């Protein structure tokens, strides 16, 4: 087994009918840019009734059809927020928790000690989070997953992973290992993934290989490490 193997996003998602929500963070193969991707999928009408909207450097999830909203608490949030030299990306309203704690001088880990998995019995969907910290023309990043201890939601296990920015290497964490009832949660460390030089190649690798029926929206951002120039791509299945 090659523990240093780099998979493509195509290889990691194409055979999984329900990846759920996913975060990818890494550095392009030429070493010039930081890369961030976030996508959502959905099985229910409530979950599928969503679109991404850009608000400056922030990304917001909104209902596509307001009249069909059943429970807004777990589907409407800001997955991406910028704070000074940091970029936060998560699959829930813990984006705001991390933002508020880090702004107050606390750490990424301290903020997530106050949160746990989602209360959606029986799935207990994990909360996945990431944060990039930029400094001296480079960056490092952390990723986290908060998971239920057991099938009853009796406790919360918290895992944090820290990485340097490394040319061509990214890490991919997602909520579910596949479809099922209840949904099986992600297991193990974030998966190693290749980050191409061009943003459109990365977008295509993800969007075209996510399950056609269940995919909803994708957002990808490349940040030039020398100039800070941002390049974004956003795809909404609901138009």
C-alpha atoms as a PDB file:
ATOM      1  CA  UNK A   1       0.000   0.000   0.000  1.00  0.00           C
ATOM      2  CA  UNK A   2       1.385   3.381  -1.058  1.00  0.00           C
ATOM      3  CA  UNK A   3       0.595   5.742   1.822  1.00  0.00           C
ATOM      4  CA  UNK A   4       1.885   8.693  -0.223  1.00  0.00           C
ATOM      5  CA  UNK A   5      -0.309   8.060  -3.255  1.00  0.00           C
ATOM      6  CA  UNK A   6      -2.063  11.099  -4.711  1.00  0.00           C
ATOM      7  CA  UNK A   7      -5.560  10.398  -5.987  1.00  0.00           C
ATOM      8  CA  UNK A   8      -7.530  12.591  -8.345  1.00  0.00           C
ATOM      9  CA  UNK A   9     -10.857  13.932  -7.145  1.00  0.00           C
ATOM     10  CA  UNK A  10     -12.421  11.861  -9.914  1.00  0.00           C
ATOM     11  CA  UNK A  11     -11.041   8.672  -8.370  1.00  0.00           C
ATOM     12  CA  UNK A  12     -12.259   9.644  -4.900  1.00  0.00           C
ATOM     13  CA  UNK A  13     -15.874  10.536  -5.736  1.00  0.00           C
ATOM     14  CA  UNK A  14     -16.917   8.806  -8.958  1.00  0.00           C
ATOM     15  CA  UNK A  15     -18.018   5.510  -7.367  1.00  0.00           C
ATOM     16  CA  UNK A  16     -19.581   7.026  -4.254  1.00  0.00           C
ATOM     17  CA  UNK A  17     -23.292   7.813  -4.779  1.00  0.00           C
ATOM     18  CA  UNK A  18     -23.459   9.960  -1.665  1.00  0.00           C
ATOM     19  CA  UNK A  19     -20.296  11.729  -0.548  1.00  0.00           C
ATOM     20  CA  UNK A  20     -22.463  14.274   1.279  1.00  0.00           C
ATOM     21  CA  UNK A  21     -20.672  17.561   1.875  1.00  0.00           C
ATOM     22  CA  UNK A  22     -16.975  17.840   1.091  1.00  0.00           C
ATOM     23  CA  UNK A  23     -14.009  20.124   1.752  1.00  0.00           C
ATOM     24  CA  UNK A  24     -10.733  20.103  -0.173  1.00  0.00           C
ATOM     25  CA  UNK A  25      -7.739  22.255   0.798  1.00  0.00           C
ATOM     26  CA  UNK A  26      -4.276  22.185  -0.764  1.00  0.00           C
ATOM     27  CA  UNK A  27      -1.659  23.821  -2.969  1.00  0.00           C
ATOM     28  CA  UNK A  28      -1.473  23.715  -6.768  1.00  0.00           C
ATOM     29  CA  UNK A  29       1.150  21.510  -8.385  1.00  0.00           C
ATOM     30  CA  UNK A  30       3.222  24.535  -9.476  1.00  0.00           C
ATOM     31  CA  UNK A  31       3.259  25.823  -5.877  1.00  0.00           C
ATOM     32  CA  UNK A  32       1.804  29.199  -6.814  1.00  0.00           C
ATOM     33  CA  UNK A  33      -1.719  29.042  -5.387  1.00  0.00           C
ATOM     34  CA  UNK A  34      -3.755  27.857  -2.436  1.00  0.00           C
ATOM     35  CA  UNK A  35      -6.841  25.882  -3.456  1.00  0.00           C
ATOM     36  CA  UNK A  36     -10.132  25.492  -1.585  1.00  0.00           C
ATOM     37  CA  UNK A  37     -13.219  23.596  -2.694  1.00  0.00           C
ATOM     38  CA  UNK A  38     -16.557  23.030  -1.007  1.00  0.00           C
ATOM     39  CA  UNK A  39     -19.520  21.088  -2.355  1.00  0.00           C
ATOM     40  CA  UNK A  40     -22.911  19.945  -1.117  1.00  0.00           C
ATOM     41  CA  UNK A  41     -25.157  17.048  -2.067  1.00  0.00           C
ATOM     42  CA  UNK A  42     -28.679  16.165  -0.995  1.00  0.00           C
ATOM     43  CA  UNK A  43     -31.234  13.341  -1.017  1.00  0.00           C
ATOM     44  CA  UNK A  44     -34.324  15.074   0.384  1.00  0.00           C
ATOM     45  CA  UNK A  45     -36.277  17.912  -1.222  1.00  0.00           C
ATOM     46  CA  UNK A  46     -35.261  20.176   1.693  1.00  0.00           C
ATOM     47  CA  UNK A  47     -31.554  19.417   1.152  1.00  0.00           C
ATOM     48  CA  UNK A  48     -31.739  19.835  -2.605  1.00  0.00           C
ATOM     49  CA  UNK A  49     -33.492  23.196  -2.366  1.00  0.00           C
ATOM     50  CA  UNK A  50     -30.251  25.186  -2.076  1.00  0.00           C
ATOM     51  CA  UNK A  51     -27.893  27.450  -4.010  1.00  0.00           C
ATOM     52  CA  UNK A  52     -24.517  29.073  -3.311  1.00  0.00           C
ATOM     53  CA  UNK A  53     -24.308  32.873  -3.440  1.00  0.00           C
ATOM     54  CA  UNK A  54     -21.146  34.985  -3.313  1.00  0.00           C
ATOM     55  CA  UNK A  55     -21.072  37.987  -0.986  1.00  0.00           C
ATOM     56  CA  UNK A  56     -17.657  39.571  -1.466  1.00  0.00           C
ATOM     57  CA  UNK A  57     -15.142  36.976  -0.251  1.00  0.00           C
ATOM     58  CA  UNK A  58     -17.841  35.151   1.706  1.00  0.00           C
ATOM     59  CA  UNK A  59     -20.014  32.340   0.348  1.00  0.00           C
ATOM     60  CA  UNK A  60     -23.594  31.935   1.588  1.00  0.00           C
ATOM     61  CA  UNK A  61     -26.055  29.081   1.123  1.00  0.00           C
ATOM     62  CA  UNK A  62     -29.633  30.146   0.493  1.00  0.00           C
ATOM     63  CA  UNK A  63     -32.859  28.317  -0.354  1.00  0.00           C
ATOM     64  CA  UNK A  64     -33.554  28.151  -4.076  1.00  0.00           C
ATOM     65  CA  UNK A  65     -37.304  28.182  -3.466  1.00  0.00           C
ATOM     66  CA  UNK A  66     -38.228  29.890  -0.166  1.00  0.00           C
ATOM     67  CA  UNK A  67     -41.702  28.320  -0.180  1.00  0.00           C
ATOM     68  CA  UNK A  68     -40.279  24.795   0.065  1.00  0.00           C
ATOM     69  CA  UNK A  69     -38.060  25.304   3.116  1.00  0.00           C
ATOM     70  CA  UNK A  70     -38.887  22.747   5.834  1.00  0.00           C
ATOM     71  CA  UNK A  71     -36.015  23.088   8.332  1.00  0.00           C
ATOM     72  CA  UNK A  72     -33.570  25.927   7.646  1.00  0.00           C
ATOM     73  CA  UNK A  73     -31.314  25.222  10.646  1.00  0.00           C
ATOM     74  CA  UNK A  74     -29.053  22.656   8.970  1.00  0.00           C
ATOM     75  CA  UNK A  75     -29.150  23.805   5.356  1.00  0.00           C
ATOM     76  CA  UNK A  76     -28.662  27.590   5.508  1.00  0.00           C
ATOM     77  CA  UNK A  77     -25.256  28.861   6.624  1.00  0.00           C
ATOM     78  CA  UNK A  78     -22.043  30.505   5.395  1.00  0.00           C
ATOM     79  CA  UNK A  79     -19.588  27.797   4.347  1.00  0.00           C
ATOM     80  CA  UNK A  80     -16.722  30.198   3.583  1.00  0.00           C
ATOM     81  CA  UNK A  81     -15.608  33.291   5.505  1.00  0.00           C
ATOM     82  CA  UNK A  82     -12.396  35.325   5.522  1.00  0.00           C
ATOM     83  CA  UNK A  83     -10.846  36.759   8.695  1.00  0.00           C
ATOM     84  CA  UNK A  84      -7.668  38.791   8.240  1.00  0.00           C
ATOM     85  CA  UNK A  85      -5.032  36.287   7.012  1.00  0.00           C
ATOM     86  CA  UNK A  86      -7.301  33.278   7.530  1.00  0.00           C
ATOM     87  CA  UNK A  87      -9.898  31.560   5.377  1.00  0.00           C
ATOM     88  CA  UNK A  88     -12.507  29.378   7.087  1.00  0.00           C
ATOM     89  CA  UNK A  89     -14.532  26.690   5.325  1.00  0.00           C
ATOM     90  CA  UNK A  90     -17.072  24.377   6.980  1.00  0.00           C
ATOM     91  CA  UNK A  91     -20.248  22.398   6.375  1.00  0.00           C
ATOM     92  CA  UNK A  92     -22.399  24.259   8.899  1.00  0.00           C
ATOM     93  CA  UNK A  93     -22.894  27.263  11.129  1.00  0.00           C
ATOM     94  CA  UNK A  94     -19.666  26.380  12.968  1.00  0.00           C
ATOM     95  CA  UNK A  95     -18.120  28.731  10.390  1.00  0.00           C
ATOM     96  CA  UNK A  96     -19.390  31.546  12.610  1.00  0.00           C
ATOM     97  CA  UNK A  97     -18.155  29.827  15.779  1.00  0.00           C
ATOM     98  CA  UNK A  98     -14.623  29.513  14.385  1.00  0.00           C
ATOM     99  CA  UNK A  99     -14.724  33.082  13.077  1.00  0.00           C
ATOM    100  CA  UNK A 100     -15.834  34.519  16.433  1.00  0.00           C
ATOM    101  CA  UNK A 101     -13.362  32.507  18.509  1.00  0.00           C
ATOM    102  CA  UNK A 102     -10.351  33.178  16.292  1.00  0.00           C
ATOM    103  CA  UNK A 103     -11.250  36.873  16.149  1.00  0.00           C
ATOM    104  CA  UNK A 104     -11.233  36.835  19.972  1.00  0.00           C
ATOM    105  CA  UNK A 105      -7.732  35.330  20.045  1.00  0.00           C
ATOM    106  CA  UNK A 106      -8.768  31.699  20.556  1.00  0.00           C
ATOM    107  CA  UNK A 107      -7.665  28.755  18.433  1.00  0.00           C
ATOM    108  CA  UNK A 108      -9.372  26.687  15.752  1.00  0.00           C
ATOM    109  CA  UNK A 109      -9.392  23.749  18.152  1.00  0.00           C
ATOM    110  CA  UNK A 110     -10.823  25.757  21.046  1.00  0.00           C
ATOM    111  CA  UNK A 111     -13.710  26.957  18.904  1.00  0.00           C
ATOM    112  CA  UNK A 112     -14.680  23.424  17.926  1.00  0.00           C
ATOM    113  CA  UNK A 113     -14.565  22.187  21.520  1.00  0.00           C
ATOM    114  CA  UNK A 114     -17.858  24.072  21.866  1.00  0.00           C
ATOM    115  CA  UNK A 115     -19.526  22.231  18.966  1.00  0.00           C
ATOM    116  CA  UNK A 116     -20.445  18.663  18.084  1.00  0.00           C
ATOM    117  CA  UNK A 117     -21.961  16.634  15.237  1.00  0.00           C
ATOM    118  CA  UNK A 118     -25.339  17.620  13.820  1.00  0.00           C
ATOM    119  CA  UNK A 119     -28.487  16.488  15.707  1.00  0.00           C
ATOM    120  CA  UNK A 120     -30.025  14.750  12.682  1.00  0.00           C
ATOM    121  CA  UNK A 121     -30.952  11.383  14.196  1.00  0.00           C
ATOM    122  CA  UNK A 122     -30.070   8.664  13.138  1.00  0.00           C
ATOM    123  CA  UNK A 123     -27.304   9.980  10.854  1.00  0.00           C
ATOM    124  CA  UNK A 124     -25.574  12.322  13.313  1.00  0.00           C
ATOM    125  CA  UNK A 125     -23.881  13.992  10.353  1.00  0.00           C
ATOM    126  CA  UNK A 126     -20.277  14.951  11.171  1.00  0.00           C
ATOM    127  CA  UNK A 127     -19.285  18.595  11.239  1.00  0.00           C
ATOM    128  CA  UNK A 128     -16.275  19.063   8.975  1.00  0.00           C
ATOM    129  CA  UNK A 129     -14.191  22.234   9.068  1.00  0.00           C
ATOM    130  CA  UNK A 130     -10.998  23.699   7.664  1.00  0.00           C
ATOM    131  CA  UNK A 131      -8.938  26.853   8.115  1.00  0.00           C
ATOM    132  CA  UNK A 132      -6.063  28.215   6.036  1.00  0.00           C
ATOM    133  CA  UNK A 133      -3.576  30.620   7.623  1.00  0.00           C
ATOM    134  CA  UNK A 134      -1.519  32.706   5.181  1.00  0.00           C
ATOM    135  CA  UNK A 135       1.924  34.082   6.089  1.00  0.00           C
ATOM    136  CA  UNK A 136       5.110  35.105   4.248  1.00  0.00           C
ATOM    137  CA  UNK A 137       3.885  34.087   0.816  1.00  0.00           C
ATOM    138  CA  UNK A 138       2.773  30.639   1.904  1.00  0.00           C
ATOM    139  CA  UNK A 139       0.139  28.977   4.058  1.00  0.00           C
ATOM    140  CA  UNK A 140      -0.619  26.106   6.405  1.00  0.00           C
ATOM    141  CA  UNK A 141      -4.011  24.577   7.104  1.00  0.00           C
ATOM    142  CA  UNK A 142      -6.010  22.578   9.598  1.00  0.00           C
ATOM    143  CA  UNK A 143      -8.963  20.264   9.089  1.00  0.00           C
ATOM    144  CA  UNK A 144     -11.401  18.879  11.640  1.00  0.00           C
ATOM    145  CA  UNK A 145     -14.190  16.347  11.907  1.00  0.00           C
ATOM    146  CA  UNK A 146     -16.614  16.056  14.836  1.00  0.00           C
ATOM    147  CA  UNK A 147     -18.271  12.632  14.930  1.00  0.00           C
ATOM    148  CA  UNK A 148     -20.685  10.738  17.110  1.00  0.00           C
ATOM    149  CA  UNK A 149     -19.090   8.275  19.530  1.00  0.00           C
ATOM    150  CA  UNK A 150     -21.803   5.684  18.911  1.00  0.00           C
ATOM    151  CA  UNK A 151     -25.065   4.999  17.086  1.00  0.00           C
ATOM    152  CA  UNK A 152     -27.019   6.755  19.842  1.00  0.00           C
ATOM    153  CA  UNK A 153     -25.174  10.071  19.708  1.00  0.00           C
ATOM    154  CA  UNK A 154     -23.963   9.573  23.281  1.00  0.00           C
ATOM    155  CA  UNK A 155     -20.780  11.604  22.894  1.00  0.00           C
ATOM    156  CA  UNK A 156     -18.624  13.518  20.434  1.00  0.00           C
ATOM    157  CA  UNK A 157     -15.212  12.490  19.109  1.00  0.00           C
ATOM    158  CA  UNK A 158     -13.076  15.396  17.861  1.00  0.00           C
ATOM    159  CA  UNK A 159     -10.253  14.935  15.357  1.00  0.00           C
ATOM    160  CA  UNK A 160      -7.955  17.702  14.089  1.00  0.00           C
ATOM    161  CA  UNK A 161      -5.318  17.416  11.348  1.00  0.00           C
ATOM    162  CA  UNK A 162      -2.640  20.024  10.591  1.00  0.00           C
ATOM    163  CA  UNK A 163      -0.736  20.317   7.303  1.00  0.00           C
ATOM    164  CA  UNK A 164       1.873  22.550   5.657  1.00  0.00           C
ATOM    165  CA  UNK A 165       1.145  23.805   2.169  1.00  0.00           C
ATOM    166  CA  UNK A 166       2.943  21.337  -0.122  1.00  0.00           C
ATOM    167  CA  UNK A 167       3.175  21.634  -3.904  1.00  0.00           C
ATOM    168  CA  UNK A 168       0.543  19.553  -5.672  1.00  0.00           C
ATOM    169  CA  UNK A 169      -0.909  18.074  -2.482  1.00  0.00           C
ATOM    170  CA  UNK A 170      -4.353  18.581  -0.994  1.00  0.00           C
ATOM    171  CA  UNK A 171      -6.568  16.838   1.534  1.00  0.00           C
ATOM    172  CA  UNK A 172     -10.216  15.899   1.107  1.00  0.00           C
ATOM    173  CA  UNK A 173     -12.639  15.319   3.966  1.00  0.00           C
ATOM    174  CA  UNK A 174     -16.335  14.583   3.551  1.00  0.00           C
ATOM    175  CA  UNK A 175     -19.311  13.683   5.680  1.00  0.00           C
ATOM    176  CA  UNK A 176     -20.323  10.235   4.414  1.00  0.00           C
ATOM    177  CA  UNK A 177     -18.551   7.084   3.280  1.00  0.00           C
ATOM    178  CA  UNK A 178     -21.484   6.307   0.977  1.00  0.00           C
ATOM    179  CA  UNK A 179     -25.252   5.995   0.810  1.00  0.00           C
ATOM    180  CA  UNK A 180     -27.270   4.095   3.406  1.00  0.00           C
ATOM    181  CA  UNK A 181     -29.803   4.382   6.189  1.00  0.00           C
ATOM    182  CA  UNK A 182     -28.424   5.546   8.506  1.00  0.00           C
ATOM    183  CA  UNK A 183     -25.701   7.179   6.440  1.00  0.00           C
ATOM    184  CA  UNK A 184     -22.213   5.777   7.190  1.00  0.00           C
ATOM    185  CA  UNK A 185     -19.853   8.530   8.340  1.00  0.00           C
ATOM    186  CA  UNK A 186     -16.413   9.327   6.944  1.00  0.00           C
ATOM    187  CA  UNK A 187     -13.626   7.217   8.448  1.00  0.00           C
ATOM    188  CA  UNK A 188      -9.907   7.834   8.960  1.00  0.00           C
ATOM    189  CA  UNK A 189      -7.639  10.700   7.938  1.00  0.00           C
ATOM    190  CA  UNK A 190      -8.493  13.211   5.204  1.00  0.00           C
ATOM    191  CA  UNK A 191      -7.727  11.676   1.824  1.00  0.00           C
ATOM    192  CA  UNK A 192      -4.658  12.785  -0.148  1.00  0.00           C
ATOM    193  CA  UNK A 193      -5.588  14.386  -3.445  1.00  0.00           C
ATOM    194  CA  UNK A 194      -3.730  15.957  -6.373  1.00  0.00           C
ATOM    195  CA  UNK A 195      -4.338  19.685  -6.927  1.00  0.00           C
ATOM    196  CA  UNK A 196      -3.975  20.714 -10.600  1.00  0.00           C
ATOM    197  CA  UNK A 197      -2.447  24.007 -11.684  1.00  0.00           C
ATOM    198  CA  UNK A 198      -5.596  25.231 -13.457  1.00  0.00           C
ATOM    199  CA  UNK A 199      -8.802  25.928 -11.537  1.00  0.00           C
ATOM    200  CA  UNK A 200     -11.087  24.752 -14.331  1.00  0.00           C
ATOM    201  CA  UNK A 201      -9.420  21.344 -14.416  1.00  0.00           C
ATOM    202  CA  UNK A 202     -10.042  21.009 -10.677  1.00  0.00           C
ATOM    203  CA  UNK A 203     -13.674  22.119 -11.005  1.00  0.00           C
ATOM    204  CA  UNK A 204     -14.285  19.645 -13.804  1.00  0.00           C
ATOM    205  CA  UNK A 205     -12.634  16.801 -11.874  1.00  0.00           C
ATOM    206  CA  UNK A 206     -15.039  17.328  -8.970  1.00  0.00           C
ATOM    207  CA  UNK A 207     -18.341  18.378 -10.547  1.00  0.00           C
ATOM    208  CA  UNK A 208     -18.418  15.937 -13.450  1.00  0.00           C
ATOM    209  CA  UNK A 209     -17.758  12.974 -11.161  1.00  0.00           C
ATOM    210  CA  UNK A 210     -20.127  13.703  -8.286  1.00  0.00           C
ATOM    211  CA  UNK A 211     -23.314  11.644  -8.443  1.00  0.00           C
ATOM    212  CA  UNK A 212     -25.571  13.367 -10.986  1.00  0.00           C
ATOM    213  CA  UNK A 213     -28.793  12.882  -9.035  1.00  0.00           C
ATOM    214  CA  UNK A 214     -27.497  13.988  -5.643  1.00  0.00           C
ATOM    215  CA  UNK A 215     -25.034  16.820  -6.387  1.00  0.00           C
ATOM    216  CA  UNK A 216     -26.306  20.353  -5.720  1.00  0.00           C
ATOM    217  CA  UNK A 217     -23.581  23.022  -5.679  1.00  0.00           C
ATOM    218  CA  UNK A 218     -19.801  23.456  -5.902  1.00  0.00           C
ATOM    219  CA  UNK A 219     -17.543  26.394  -5.079  1.00  0.00           C
ATOM    220  CA  UNK A 220     -13.806  26.497  -5.833  1.00  0.00           C
ATOM    221  CA  UNK A 221     -11.336  29.269  -5.021  1.00  0.00           C
ATOM    222  CA  UNK A 222      -7.675  29.609  -6.045  1.00  0.00           C
ATOM    223  CA  UNK A 223      -5.590  32.244  -4.216  1.00  0.00           C
ATOM    224  CA  UNK A 224      -2.272  33.431  -5.683  1.00  0.00           C
ATOM    225  CA  UNK A 225       0.298  33.241  -2.896  1.00  0.00           C
ATOM    226  CA  UNK A 226       2.399  36.122  -4.238  1.00  0.00           C
ATOM    227  CA  UNK A 227      -0.249  38.646  -5.254  1.00  0.00           C
ATOM    228  CA  UNK A 228      -3.308  37.519  -3.270  1.00  0.00           C
ATOM    229  CA  UNK A 229      -5.327  37.494  -6.501  1.00  0.00           C
ATOM    230  CA  UNK A 230      -8.468  35.363  -6.186  1.00  0.00           C
ATOM    231  CA  UNK A 231     -10.003  33.194  -8.890  1.00  0.00           C
ATOM    232  CA  UNK A 232     -13.430  31.682  -8.174  1.00  0.00           C
ATOM    233  CA  UNK A 233     -15.754  29.198  -9.811  1.00  0.00           C
ATOM    234  CA  UNK A 234     -19.302  28.477  -8.652  1.00  0.00           C
ATOM    235  CA  UNK A 235     -21.784  25.926  -9.997  1.00  0.00           C
ATOM    236  CA  UNK A 236     -25.395  25.617  -8.876  1.00  0.00           C
ATOM    237  CA  UNK A 237     -27.547  22.785 -10.184  1.00  0.00           C
ATOM    238  CA  UNK A 238     -30.587  24.910  -9.346  1.00  0.00           C
ATOM    239  CA  UNK A 239     -30.653  27.872 -11.703  1.00  0.00           C
END
